[in-house]
Amino acid sequence: MKRIEPVTLERGGIRLEPLSEQHIESLSAAACDGELWELWFTSVPKHLQTADYVADALAGQASGHMLPWAVRELASDSIIGTTRYHDIVVDASRVEIGYTWYAKQWHRSHVNTTCKLILLSHAFEELSCEVVGLRTDHFNFVSQRAIERLGAKKDGVIRHHAPRRDGTVRDTVMYSILRAEWPTVQRHLESRLS
């Protein structure tokens, strides 16, 4: 697996820009569209917590286990959400895609499929990953369905796995896509967007 470094990625009217402190205000506004922090099983920051959220992501990048992006919709030139690689394991040629959220107006649109196609293409074709993982809270049924629509396979559930921001502990549903599965997944995602 190649070294993972910040890079701008673009396709289908969506640009993934390396996350920076300059994105704090616009990410805060995006989270306010739908008050996404009210979803107790997600990591979307409240308005006044966006700076800490970005700082945590950048600290993860500095330590080498995360690579975060801000998601820009080009037609409106607006930051509409964020996503990242996380739990990067270079020796296993593995990244996970997560911490993904978009302003509510972009739910059930082309945005998530486009972002996942961009990130999966970069992981398999540029970084030479052998596997890309995705995970979500056991109670985030919308996210589970979205991950399954991508073509990822369910690996299982890790019980009592990670703390939620409210202090409870979640069960985590794990998914993955192997390098050998990527051509079929890619064809599927491209057909969904066409």
C-alpha atoms as a PDB file:
ATOM      1  CA  MET A   1       0.000   0.000   0.000  1.00  0.00           C
ATOM      2  CA  LYS A   2       1.294   3.441  -0.923  1.00  0.00           C
ATOM      3  CA  ARG A   3       1.802   6.264   1.539  1.00  0.00           C
ATOM      4  CA  ILE A   4      -1.448   8.087   2.290  1.00  0.00           C
ATOM      5  CA  GLU A   5      -1.240  11.855   1.989  1.00  0.00           C
ATOM      6  CA  PRO A   6      -3.780  14.686   1.670  1.00  0.00           C
ATOM      7  CA  VAL A   7      -5.060  15.026  -1.884  1.00  0.00           C
ATOM      8  CA  THR A   8      -7.939  16.778  -3.630  1.00  0.00           C
ATOM      9  CA  LEU A   9     -10.262  14.352  -5.427  1.00  0.00           C
ATOM     10  CA  GLU A  10     -13.071  15.290  -7.826  1.00  0.00           C
ATOM     11  CA  ARG A  11     -15.797  13.629  -9.872  1.00  0.00           C
ATOM     12  CA  GLY A  12     -19.394  14.211 -10.914  1.00  0.00           C
ATOM     13  CA  GLY A  13     -19.717  17.723  -9.520  1.00  0.00           C
ATOM     14  CA  ILE A  14     -18.283  16.770  -6.125  1.00  0.00           C
ATOM     15  CA  ARG A  15     -14.865  17.764  -4.820  1.00  0.00           C
ATOM     16  CA  LEU A  16     -13.222  16.214  -1.768  1.00  0.00           C
ATOM     17  CA  GLU A  17     -10.886  18.841  -0.321  1.00  0.00           C
ATOM     18  CA  PRO A  18      -8.357  18.060   2.410  1.00  0.00           C
ATOM     19  CA  LEU A  19     -10.080  19.133   5.628  1.00  0.00           C
ATOM     20  CA  SER A  20      -8.726  22.289   7.259  1.00  0.00           C
ATOM     21  CA  GLU A  21      -9.701  24.844   9.866  1.00  0.00           C
ATOM     22  CA  GLN A  22     -11.016  26.998   6.996  1.00  0.00           C
ATOM     23  CA  HIS A  23     -13.931  24.536   6.673  1.00  0.00           C
ATOM     24  CA  ILE A  24     -15.202  24.908  10.254  1.00  0.00           C
ATOM     25  CA  GLU A  25     -17.855  27.565   9.638  1.00  0.00           C
ATOM     26  CA  SER A  26     -19.264  25.950   6.503  1.00  0.00           C
ATOM     27  CA  LEU A  27     -19.321  22.477   8.117  1.00  0.00           C
ATOM     28  CA  SER A  28     -21.173  23.937  11.069  1.00  0.00           C
ATOM     29  CA  ALA A  29     -23.762  25.393   8.689  1.00  0.00           C
ATOM     30  CA  ALA A  30     -24.073  22.045   6.884  1.00  0.00           C
ATOM     31  CA  ALA A  31     -24.717  20.219  10.171  1.00  0.00           C
ATOM     32  CA  CYS A  32     -27.422  22.765  11.019  1.00  0.00           C
ATOM     33  CA  ASP A  33     -29.335  21.689   7.888  1.00  0.00           C
ATOM     34  CA  GLY A  34     -31.449  19.035   9.589  1.00  0.00           C
ATOM     35  CA  GLU A  35     -29.857  19.431  13.045  1.00  0.00           C
ATOM     36  CA  LEU A  36     -27.903  16.275  12.316  1.00  0.00           C
ATOM     37  CA  TRP A  37     -26.339  16.131  15.782  1.00  0.00           C
ATOM     38  CA  GLU A  38     -29.786  15.097  17.085  1.00  0.00           C
ATOM     39  CA  LEU A  39     -29.125  11.634  15.612  1.00  0.00           C
ATOM     40  CA  TRP A  40     -27.705  10.137  18.816  1.00  0.00           C
ATOM     41  CA  PHE A  41     -25.936   7.291  17.029  1.00  0.00           C
ATOM     42  CA  THR A  42     -23.817   9.511  14.737  1.00  0.00           C
ATOM     43  CA  SER A  43     -20.681  11.615  15.211  1.00  0.00           C
ATOM     44  CA  VAL A  44     -22.066  14.831  13.672  1.00  0.00           C
ATOM     45  CA  PRO A  45     -20.898  17.784  15.808  1.00  0.00           C
ATOM     46  CA  LYS A  46     -23.200  20.364  17.359  1.00  0.00           C
ATOM     47  CA  HIS A  47     -22.755  23.919  16.115  1.00  0.00           C
ATOM     48  CA  LEU A  48     -20.269  24.965  18.810  1.00  0.00           C
ATOM     49  CA  GLN A  49     -18.351  21.660  18.646  1.00  0.00           C
ATOM     50  CA  THR A  50     -17.358  21.819  14.984  1.00  0.00           C
ATOM     51  CA  ALA A  51     -13.925  23.312  15.718  1.00  0.00           C
ATOM     52  CA  ASP A  52     -13.158  20.428  18.110  1.00  0.00           C
ATOM     53  CA  TYR A  53     -14.463  17.919  15.544  1.00  0.00           C
ATOM     54  CA  VAL A  54     -12.117  19.311  12.877  1.00  0.00           C
ATOM     55  CA  ALA A  55      -9.213  19.476  15.357  1.00  0.00           C
ATOM     56  CA  ASP A  56      -9.723  15.793  16.261  1.00  0.00           C
ATOM     57  CA  ALA A  57      -9.770  14.837  12.579  1.00  0.00           C
ATOM     58  CA  LEU A  58      -6.578  16.791  11.910  1.00  0.00           C
ATOM     59  CA  ALA A  59      -4.907  15.227  14.966  1.00  0.00           C
ATOM     60  CA  GLY A  60      -5.805  11.795  13.545  1.00  0.00           C
ATOM     61  CA  GLN A  61      -4.253  12.848  10.251  1.00  0.00           C
ATOM     62  CA  ALA A  62      -1.085  14.050  12.003  1.00  0.00           C
ATOM     63  CA  SER A  63      -0.764  10.704  13.787  1.00  0.00           C
ATOM     64  CA  GLY A  64      -1.203   8.815  10.513  1.00  0.00           C
ATOM     65  CA  HIS A  65      -4.433   6.921  11.130  1.00  0.00           C
ATOM     66  CA  MET A  66      -6.918   9.298   9.444  1.00  0.00           C
ATOM     67  CA  LEU A  67      -7.252  11.301   6.252  1.00  0.00           C
ATOM     68  CA  PRO A  68     -10.253  13.683   6.401  1.00  0.00           C
ATOM     69  CA  TRP A  69     -11.970  15.650   3.633  1.00  0.00           C
ATOM     70  CA  ALA A  70     -14.586  18.368   3.356  1.00  0.00           C
ATOM     71  CA  VAL A  71     -17.187  17.620   0.664  1.00  0.00           C
ATOM     72  CA  ARG A  72     -17.863  20.487  -1.750  1.00  0.00           C
ATOM     73  CA  GLU A  73     -20.810  20.498  -4.170  1.00  0.00           C
ATOM     74  CA  LEU A  74     -19.402  22.390  -7.139  1.00  0.00           C
ATOM     75  CA  ALA A  75     -22.580  23.785  -8.745  1.00  0.00           C
ATOM     76  CA  SER A  76     -23.417  25.712  -5.568  1.00  0.00           C
ATOM     77  CA  ASP A  77     -19.772  26.004  -4.459  1.00  0.00           C
ATOM     78  CA  SER A  78     -20.909  24.878  -0.994  1.00  0.00           C
ATOM     79  CA  ILE A  79     -19.343  22.659   1.647  1.00  0.00           C
ATOM     80  CA  ILE A  80     -22.098  20.120   2.281  1.00  0.00           C
ATOM     81  CA  GLY A  81     -20.440  17.593   4.590  1.00  0.00           C
ATOM     82  CA  THR A  82     -17.356  15.600   5.399  1.00  0.00           C
ATOM     83  CA  THR A  83     -15.883  12.110   5.097  1.00  0.00           C
ATOM     84  CA  ARG A  84     -12.564  10.450   5.826  1.00  0.00           C
ATOM     85  CA  TYR A  85     -10.339   7.432   5.696  1.00  0.00           C
ATOM     86  CA  HIS A  86      -9.755   6.152   9.215  1.00  0.00           C
ATOM     87  CA  ASP A  87      -8.229   3.174  10.979  1.00  0.00           C
ATOM     88  CA  ILE A  88      -5.532   3.158   8.322  1.00  0.00           C
ATOM     89  CA  VAL A  89      -3.399   0.011   8.628  1.00  0.00           C
ATOM     90  CA  VAL A  90      -0.558   0.310   6.137  1.00  0.00           C
ATOM     91  CA  ASP A  91       0.896  -3.141   6.914  1.00  0.00           C
ATOM     92  CA  ALA A  92      -2.471  -4.751   6.097  1.00  0.00           C
ATOM     93  CA  SER A  93      -3.121  -2.510   3.052  1.00  0.00           C
ATOM     94  CA  ARG A  94      -6.410  -1.479   4.669  1.00  0.00           C
ATOM     95  CA  VAL A  95      -8.342   1.740   5.125  1.00  0.00           C
ATOM     96  CA  GLU A  96     -11.852   2.327   6.362  1.00  0.00           C
ATOM     97  CA  ILE A  97     -14.242   4.965   5.082  1.00  0.00           C
ATOM     98  CA  GLY A  98     -16.343   6.702   7.680  1.00  0.00           C
ATOM     99  CA  TYR A  99     -17.205   9.781   9.727  1.00  0.00           C
ATOM    100  CA  THR A 100     -19.369  10.591   6.721  1.00  0.00           C
ATOM    101  CA  TRP A 101     -22.261  13.006   6.924  1.00  0.00           C
ATOM    102  CA  TYR A 102     -23.957  15.497   4.638  1.00  0.00           C
ATOM    103  CA  ALA A 103     -26.405  18.374   5.088  1.00  0.00           C
ATOM    104  CA  LYS A 104     -29.934  16.961   5.112  1.00  0.00           C
ATOM    105  CA  GLN A 105     -30.876  18.481   1.746  1.00  0.00           C
ATOM    106  CA  TRP A 106     -28.279  16.189   0.135  1.00  0.00           C
ATOM    107  CA  HIS A 107     -29.566  12.961   1.682  1.00  0.00           C
ATOM    108  CA  ARG A 108     -30.952  10.495  -0.867  1.00  0.00           C
ATOM    109  CA  SER A 109     -29.109  12.266  -3.689  1.00  0.00           C
ATOM    110  CA  HIS A 110     -26.122  11.340  -5.863  1.00  0.00           C
ATOM    111  CA  VAL A 111     -23.679  12.760  -3.309  1.00  0.00           C
ATOM    112  CA  ASN A 112     -22.999   9.698  -1.143  1.00  0.00           C
ATOM    113  CA  THR A 113     -22.646   7.337  -4.112  1.00  0.00           C
ATOM    114  CA  THR A 114     -20.295   9.807  -5.832  1.00  0.00           C
ATOM    115  CA  CYS A 115     -18.166  10.278  -2.710  1.00  0.00           C
ATOM    116  CA  LYS A 116     -17.897   6.540  -2.122  1.00  0.00           C
ATOM    117  CA  LEU A 117     -16.942   5.955  -5.768  1.00  0.00           C
ATOM    118  CA  ILE A 118     -14.232   8.630  -5.466  1.00  0.00           C
ATOM    119  CA  LEU A 119     -12.861   7.212  -2.200  1.00  0.00           C
ATOM    120  CA  LEU A 120     -13.002   3.560  -3.270  1.00  0.00           C
ATOM    121  CA  SER A 121     -11.342   4.365  -6.611  1.00  0.00           C
ATOM    122  CA  HIS A 122      -8.551   6.224  -4.837  1.00  0.00           C
ATOM    123  CA  ALA A 123      -8.080   3.447  -2.277  1.00  0.00           C
ATOM    124  CA  PHE A 124      -7.927   0.561  -4.735  1.00  0.00           C
ATOM    125  CA  GLU A 125      -6.393   2.231  -7.804  1.00  0.00           C
ATOM    126  CA  GLU A 126      -4.035   4.854  -6.368  1.00  0.00           C
ATOM    127  CA  LEU A 127      -3.163   3.514  -2.912  1.00  0.00           C
ATOM    128  CA  SER A 128      -3.212  -0.201  -3.856  1.00  0.00           C
ATOM    129  CA  CYS A 129      -5.377  -1.181  -0.880  1.00  0.00           C
ATOM    130  CA  GLU A 130      -6.342  -4.829  -0.533  1.00  0.00           C
ATOM    131  CA  VAL A 131      -9.487  -4.073   1.459  1.00  0.00           C
ATOM    132  CA  VAL A 132     -11.660  -1.080   2.313  1.00  0.00           C
ATOM    133  CA  GLY A 133     -13.797  -1.303   5.420  1.00  0.00           C
ATOM    134  CA  LEU A 134     -16.927   0.553   6.478  1.00  0.00           C
ATOM    135  CA  ARG A 135     -18.641   0.484   9.852  1.00  0.00           C
ATOM    136  CA  THR A 136     -21.702   1.918  11.503  1.00  0.00           C
ATOM    137  CA  ASP A 137     -23.711   1.877  14.695  1.00  0.00           C
ATOM    138  CA  HIS A 138     -26.054  -1.080  15.117  1.00  0.00           C
ATOM    139  CA  PHE A 139     -28.956   1.398  15.367  1.00  0.00           C
ATOM    140  CA  ASN A 140     -28.023   3.401  12.272  1.00  0.00           C
ATOM    141  CA  PHE A 141     -30.258   1.434   9.931  1.00  0.00           C
ATOM    142  CA  VAL A 142     -30.150   4.118   7.223  1.00  0.00           C
ATOM    143  CA  SER A 143     -26.351   3.894   7.127  1.00  0.00           C
ATOM    144  CA  GLN A 144     -26.441   0.090   7.049  1.00  0.00           C
ATOM    145  CA  ARG A 145     -28.761   0.125   4.036  1.00  0.00           C
ATOM    146  CA  ALA A 146     -26.591   2.724   2.287  1.00  0.00           C
ATOM    147  CA  ILE A 147     -23.428   0.651   2.853  1.00  0.00           C
ATOM    148  CA  GLU A 148     -25.151  -2.483   1.579  1.00  0.00           C
ATOM    149  CA  ARG A 149     -26.372  -0.598  -1.533  1.00  0.00           C
ATOM    150  CA  LEU A 150     -22.709   0.146  -2.308  1.00  0.00           C
ATOM    151  CA  GLY A 151     -22.059  -3.577  -2.620  1.00  0.00           C
ATOM    152  CA  ALA A 152     -20.052  -4.007   0.587  1.00  0.00           C
ATOM    153  CA  LYS A 153     -20.270  -7.358   2.376  1.00  0.00           C
ATOM    154  CA  LYS A 154     -21.281  -7.553   6.016  1.00  0.00           C
ATOM    155  CA  ASP A 155     -18.415  -9.006   8.046  1.00  0.00           C
ATOM    156  CA  GLY A 156     -20.276  -9.114  11.345  1.00  0.00           C
ATOM    157  CA  VAL A 157     -21.089  -7.214  14.506  1.00  0.00           C
ATOM    158  CA  ILE A 158     -18.596  -6.309  17.219  1.00  0.00           C
ATOM    159  CA  ARG A 159     -20.582  -6.194  20.442  1.00  0.00           C
ATOM    160  CA  HIS A 160     -20.009  -3.456  23.034  1.00  0.00           C
ATOM    161  CA  HIS A 161     -17.366  -1.960  20.753  1.00  0.00           C
ATOM    162  CA  ALA A 162     -17.111   1.817  20.978  1.00  0.00           C
ATOM    163  CA  PRO A 163     -18.436   4.671  23.093  1.00  0.00           C
ATOM    164  CA  ARG A 164     -21.060   7.004  21.688  1.00  0.00           C
ATOM    165  CA  ARG A 165     -20.836  10.697  22.489  1.00  0.00           C
ATOM    166  CA  ASP A 166     -23.758  10.331  24.947  1.00  0.00           C
ATOM    167  CA  GLY A 167     -21.712   7.901  27.070  1.00  0.00           C
ATOM    168  CA  THR A 168     -23.453   4.705  25.994  1.00  0.00           C
ATOM    169  CA  VAL A 169     -21.522   1.978  24.191  1.00  0.00           C
ATOM    170  CA  ARG A 170     -22.510   0.852  20.737  1.00  0.00           C
ATOM    171  CA  ASP A 171     -22.437  -2.435  18.887  1.00  0.00           C
ATOM    172  CA  THR A 172     -20.619  -1.841  15.585  1.00  0.00           C
ATOM    173  CA  VAL A 173     -21.677  -3.403  12.284  1.00  0.00           C
ATOM    174  CA  MET A 174     -18.594  -4.054  10.121  1.00  0.00           C
ATOM    175  CA  TYR A 175     -18.529  -4.243   6.305  1.00  0.00           C
ATOM    176  CA  SER A 176     -15.771  -4.564   3.720  1.00  0.00           C
ATOM    177  CA  ILE A 177     -14.962  -4.592   0.015  1.00  0.00           C
ATOM    178  CA  LEU A 178     -11.988  -6.679  -1.157  1.00  0.00           C
ATOM    179  CA  ARG A 179      -9.735  -5.718  -4.055  1.00  0.00           C
ATOM    180  CA  ALA A 180     -11.075  -8.669  -6.082  1.00  0.00           C
ATOM    181  CA  GLU A 181     -14.630  -7.339  -5.605  1.00  0.00           C
ATOM    182  CA  TRP A 182     -13.803  -3.780  -6.625  1.00  0.00           C
ATOM    183  CA  PRO A 183     -14.391  -4.090 -10.417  1.00  0.00           C
ATOM    184  CA  THR A 184     -17.942  -5.350  -9.840  1.00  0.00           C
ATOM    185  CA  VAL A 185     -18.645  -2.752  -7.137  1.00  0.00           C
ATOM    186  CA  GLN A 186     -17.233  -0.026  -9.386  1.00  0.00           C
ATOM    187  CA  ARG A 187     -19.465  -1.082 -12.298  1.00  0.00           C
ATOM    188  CA  HIS A 188     -22.466  -1.113  -9.948  1.00  0.00           C
ATOM    189  CA  LEU A 189     -21.758   2.385  -8.556  1.00  0.00           C
ATOM    190  CA  GLU A 190     -21.122   3.864 -11.992  1.00  0.00           C
ATOM    191  CA  SER A 191     -24.402   2.411 -13.273  1.00  0.00           C
ATOM    192  CA  ARG A 192     -26.267   3.913 -10.302  1.00  0.00           C
ATOM    193  CA  LEU A 193     -24.890   7.332 -11.164  1.00  0.00           C
ATOM    194  CA  SER A 194     -25.540   7.147 -14.923  1.00  0.00           C
END
